[in-house]
N, C-alpha and C. Protein backbone atom coordinates (compact mmCIF):
# COMPACT_ATOMS: atom_id res chain seq x y z
N MET A 1 3.21 -8.89 -8.23
CA MET A 1 4.15 -7.88 -7.82
C MET A 1 5.02 -7.55 -9.02
N ALA A 2 5.06 -6.28 -9.32
CA ALA A 2 5.86 -5.81 -10.42
C ALA A 2 6.38 -4.44 -10.16
N LEU A 3 7.55 -4.13 -10.61
CA LEU A 3 8.07 -2.76 -10.50
C LEU A 3 7.19 -1.84 -11.39
N PHE A 4 6.92 -0.66 -10.83
CA PHE A 4 6.00 0.25 -11.47
C PHE A 4 6.60 1.62 -11.34
N PRO A 5 7.02 2.31 -12.46
CA PRO A 5 7.61 3.59 -12.36
C PRO A 5 6.58 4.74 -12.34
N VAL A 6 6.74 5.69 -11.39
CA VAL A 6 5.93 6.88 -11.34
C VAL A 6 6.80 8.06 -11.27
N ILE A 7 6.27 9.20 -11.71
CA ILE A 7 7.05 10.47 -11.62
C ILE A 7 6.56 11.21 -10.30
N SER A 8 7.51 11.50 -9.45
CA SER A 8 7.17 12.20 -8.13
C SER A 8 7.30 13.68 -8.32
N ASN A 9 6.17 14.33 -8.12
CA ASN A 9 6.14 15.84 -8.04
C ASN A 9 5.83 16.11 -6.56
N PHE A 10 6.88 16.18 -5.75
CA PHE A 10 6.76 16.28 -4.26
C PHE A 10 6.61 17.75 -3.93
N GLN A 11 5.61 18.06 -3.02
CA GLN A 11 5.41 19.43 -2.55
C GLN A 11 6.66 19.98 -2.02
N TYR A 12 6.97 21.22 -2.43
CA TYR A 12 8.15 21.99 -2.06
C TYR A 12 9.45 21.53 -2.67
N ASP A 13 9.42 20.56 -3.52
CA ASP A 13 10.63 20.08 -4.22
C ASP A 13 10.64 20.70 -5.64
N PHE A 14 11.78 21.07 -6.10
CA PHE A 14 11.93 21.67 -7.42
C PHE A 14 12.31 20.60 -8.42
N VAL A 15 12.51 19.38 -8.00
CA VAL A 15 12.97 18.30 -8.89
C VAL A 15 11.82 17.27 -9.07
N LEU A 16 11.52 16.94 -10.31
CA LEU A 16 10.67 15.87 -10.56
C LEU A 16 11.51 14.54 -10.57
N GLN A 17 11.08 13.53 -9.95
CA GLN A 17 11.92 12.27 -9.80
C GLN A 17 11.20 11.05 -10.33
N LEU A 18 11.91 10.23 -10.95
CA LEU A 18 11.38 8.91 -11.34
C LEU A 18 11.60 7.97 -10.16
N VAL A 19 10.48 7.39 -9.68
CA VAL A 19 10.52 6.53 -8.53
C VAL A 19 9.94 5.23 -8.89
N ALA A 20 10.66 4.14 -8.60
CA ALA A 20 10.23 2.79 -8.86
C ALA A 20 9.50 2.22 -7.59
N VAL A 21 8.24 1.91 -7.72
CA VAL A 21 7.52 1.33 -6.56
C VAL A 21 6.96 -0.02 -7.03
N ASP A 22 6.25 -0.69 -6.19
CA ASP A 22 5.72 -2.00 -6.52
C ASP A 22 4.23 -1.86 -6.78
N SER A 23 3.70 -2.55 -7.76
CA SER A 23 2.29 -2.51 -8.08
C SER A 23 1.41 -2.89 -6.93
N GLU A 24 1.94 -3.61 -5.95
CA GLU A 24 1.17 -4.05 -4.78
C GLU A 24 1.34 -3.12 -3.63
N ASN A 25 2.10 -2.04 -3.79
CA ASN A 25 2.20 -1.06 -2.67
C ASN A 25 0.95 -0.25 -2.46
N THR A 26 0.66 0.09 -1.19
CA THR A 26 -0.44 0.97 -0.89
C THR A 26 -0.01 2.43 -1.19
N MET A 27 -0.99 3.35 -1.19
CA MET A 27 -0.65 4.72 -1.46
C MET A 27 0.29 5.26 -0.38
N ASP A 28 0.16 4.82 0.91
CA ASP A 28 1.02 5.23 1.94
C ASP A 28 2.46 4.77 1.61
N GLU A 29 2.57 3.55 1.07
CA GLU A 29 3.96 3.03 0.70
C GLU A 29 4.51 3.76 -0.46
N VAL A 30 3.69 4.10 -1.40
CA VAL A 30 4.11 4.87 -2.58
C VAL A 30 4.65 6.24 -2.09
N ALA A 31 3.81 6.84 -1.21
CA ALA A 31 4.21 8.18 -0.66
C ALA A 31 5.54 8.10 0.11
N ALA A 32 5.70 7.01 0.87
CA ALA A 32 6.99 6.91 1.59
C ALA A 32 8.16 6.71 0.64
N ALA A 33 7.99 6.01 -0.52
CA ALA A 33 9.04 5.84 -1.46
C ALA A 33 9.42 7.21 -2.08
N ALA A 34 8.41 8.00 -2.39
CA ALA A 34 8.64 9.36 -3.00
C ALA A 34 9.29 10.26 -1.93
N ALA A 35 8.86 10.18 -0.69
CA ALA A 35 9.40 11.01 0.38
C ALA A 35 10.91 10.66 0.61
N TYR A 36 11.28 9.47 0.49
CA TYR A 36 12.65 9.08 0.65
C TYR A 36 13.59 9.84 -0.20
N HIS A 37 13.14 10.18 -1.38
CA HIS A 37 14.01 10.86 -2.36
C HIS A 37 13.95 12.43 -2.26
N SER A 38 12.98 12.93 -1.47
CA SER A 38 12.81 14.37 -1.35
C SER A 38 12.98 14.92 0.05
N VAL A 39 12.31 14.33 1.03
CA VAL A 39 12.33 14.82 2.39
C VAL A 39 13.69 14.58 3.00
N GLY A 40 14.18 15.66 3.62
CA GLY A 40 15.54 15.63 4.22
C GLY A 40 16.63 15.94 3.21
N ARG A 41 16.29 16.08 1.96
CA ARG A 41 17.24 16.40 0.90
C ARG A 41 17.02 17.80 0.43
N ARG A 42 15.84 18.04 -0.28
CA ARG A 42 15.48 19.35 -0.73
C ARG A 42 14.18 19.82 -0.03
N VAL A 43 13.53 18.98 0.67
CA VAL A 43 12.28 19.32 1.36
C VAL A 43 12.42 19.08 2.87
N ALA A 44 12.05 20.07 3.62
CA ALA A 44 12.14 19.93 5.11
C ALA A 44 11.09 19.00 5.64
N PRO A 45 11.50 18.15 6.61
CA PRO A 45 10.53 17.26 7.21
C PRO A 45 9.40 18.08 7.83
N GLN A 46 8.17 17.47 7.89
CA GLN A 46 7.04 18.09 8.56
C GLN A 46 6.50 17.07 9.57
N PRO A 47 7.04 16.99 10.74
CA PRO A 47 6.56 16.01 11.74
C PRO A 47 5.08 16.25 12.04
N GLY A 48 4.38 15.15 12.19
CA GLY A 48 2.99 15.26 12.49
C GLY A 48 2.10 15.25 11.27
N LYS A 49 2.67 15.42 10.07
CA LYS A 49 1.93 15.44 8.83
C LYS A 49 2.07 14.08 8.12
N VAL A 50 1.10 13.75 7.30
CA VAL A 50 1.19 12.56 6.42
C VAL A 50 1.26 13.02 5.02
N VAL A 51 1.86 12.24 4.19
CA VAL A 51 2.00 12.54 2.71
C VAL A 51 0.91 11.82 2.03
N ARG A 52 0.10 12.60 1.31
CA ARG A 52 -0.99 12.05 0.52
C ARG A 52 -0.67 12.12 -0.94
N VAL A 53 -1.36 11.23 -1.76
CA VAL A 53 -1.01 11.08 -3.13
C VAL A 53 -2.30 11.43 -3.98
N ARG A 54 -2.07 12.20 -5.05
CA ARG A 54 -3.11 12.50 -6.02
C ARG A 54 -2.49 12.63 -7.37
N ARG A 55 -3.34 12.46 -8.40
CA ARG A 55 -2.90 12.63 -9.77
C ARG A 55 -2.49 14.02 -10.03
N GLN A 56 -1.45 14.30 -10.83
CA GLN A 56 -1.00 15.62 -11.14
C GLN A 56 -2.21 16.53 -11.61
N GLY A 57 -2.41 17.60 -10.94
CA GLY A 57 -3.48 18.48 -11.33
C GLY A 57 -4.87 18.06 -10.76
N GLY A 58 -4.91 16.96 -10.07
CA GLY A 58 -6.20 16.46 -9.55
C GLY A 58 -6.54 17.19 -8.19
N GLU A 59 -7.73 16.99 -7.78
CA GLU A 59 -8.16 17.57 -6.53
C GLU A 59 -8.35 16.56 -5.36
N ALA A 60 -8.73 15.34 -5.76
CA ALA A 60 -8.98 14.30 -4.75
C ALA A 60 -7.75 13.42 -4.54
N PHE A 61 -7.50 13.09 -3.31
CA PHE A 61 -6.46 12.21 -2.97
C PHE A 61 -6.89 10.73 -3.10
N TYR A 62 -5.95 9.85 -3.44
CA TYR A 62 -6.29 8.46 -3.40
C TYR A 62 -6.36 8.02 -1.92
N PRO A 63 -7.28 7.02 -1.59
CA PRO A 63 -7.35 6.49 -0.28
C PRO A 63 -5.97 5.92 0.10
N ARG A 64 -5.58 6.14 1.36
CA ARG A 64 -4.25 5.76 1.81
C ARG A 64 -4.02 4.24 1.76
N HIS A 65 -5.08 3.48 1.93
CA HIS A 65 -4.92 2.01 2.01
C HIS A 65 -5.03 1.31 0.63
N VAL A 66 -5.41 2.03 -0.37
CA VAL A 66 -5.67 1.35 -1.66
C VAL A 66 -4.27 1.02 -2.32
N LYS A 67 -4.28 -0.17 -2.95
CA LYS A 67 -3.05 -0.60 -3.64
C LYS A 67 -2.94 0.04 -4.96
N LEU A 68 -1.76 0.34 -5.39
CA LEU A 68 -1.49 0.98 -6.69
C LEU A 68 -2.16 0.21 -7.83
N CYS A 69 -2.08 -1.15 -7.77
CA CYS A 69 -2.68 -1.92 -8.89
C CYS A 69 -4.23 -1.82 -8.93
N ASP A 70 -4.82 -1.34 -7.83
CA ASP A 70 -6.25 -1.16 -7.82
C ASP A 70 -6.73 0.23 -8.19
N THR A 71 -5.79 1.08 -8.71
CA THR A 71 -6.14 2.41 -9.07
C THR A 71 -6.06 2.51 -10.64
N ASP A 72 -6.37 3.72 -11.14
CA ASP A 72 -6.24 3.97 -12.57
C ASP A 72 -4.93 4.61 -12.95
N ILE A 73 -4.01 4.60 -12.03
CA ILE A 73 -2.72 5.19 -12.32
C ILE A 73 -1.93 4.32 -13.34
N ARG A 74 -1.35 4.99 -14.34
CA ARG A 74 -0.58 4.35 -15.36
C ARG A 74 0.92 4.48 -15.09
N ALA A 75 1.74 3.55 -15.59
CA ALA A 75 3.20 3.69 -15.47
C ALA A 75 3.65 5.02 -16.08
N MET A 76 4.63 5.60 -15.42
CA MET A 76 5.21 6.88 -15.82
C MET A 76 4.28 8.09 -15.70
N GLU A 77 3.18 7.94 -14.97
CA GLU A 77 2.31 9.05 -14.73
C GLU A 77 2.93 9.88 -13.57
N SER A 78 2.64 11.19 -13.72
CA SER A 78 3.13 12.14 -12.76
C SER A 78 2.10 12.27 -11.56
N LEU A 79 2.62 12.06 -10.39
CA LEU A 79 1.76 12.11 -9.19
C LEU A 79 2.27 13.23 -8.29
N GLU A 80 1.29 13.88 -7.57
CA GLU A 80 1.64 14.90 -6.63
C GLU A 80 1.63 14.27 -5.22
N PHE A 81 2.59 14.57 -4.45
CA PHE A 81 2.75 14.12 -3.07
C PHE A 81 2.66 15.36 -2.17
N ILE A 82 1.64 15.44 -1.33
CA ILE A 82 1.31 16.65 -0.56
C ILE A 82 1.29 16.28 0.89
N PHE A 83 1.83 17.17 1.77
CA PHE A 83 1.71 17.11 3.16
C PHE A 83 0.32 17.45 3.63
N CYS A 84 -0.26 16.66 4.47
CA CYS A 84 -1.61 16.86 4.98
C CYS A 84 -1.67 16.53 6.50
N ASP A 85 -2.70 17.05 7.13
CA ASP A 85 -2.88 16.73 8.54
C ASP A 85 -3.34 15.26 8.76
N THR A 86 -4.16 14.73 7.83
CA THR A 86 -4.56 13.33 7.93
C THR A 86 -4.69 12.76 6.58
């Protein structure tokens, strides 16, 4: 378990944010940490939607259950957080 900084580029937010997560967090937990800093502040909540994570400029989302430490994401990398139906 280690603190792991990522840059949050949250959908509909105009601010990029540095978010400290844990290397053992799942992608759902990373998304929740990023949402905490954007949703309800500068981004309207979207009930019924889930927030998915992908690399900045990428097309494929990381699986929701995969742990951060099991991905190829590097510290200080910019990640996109996108509202999705599932």
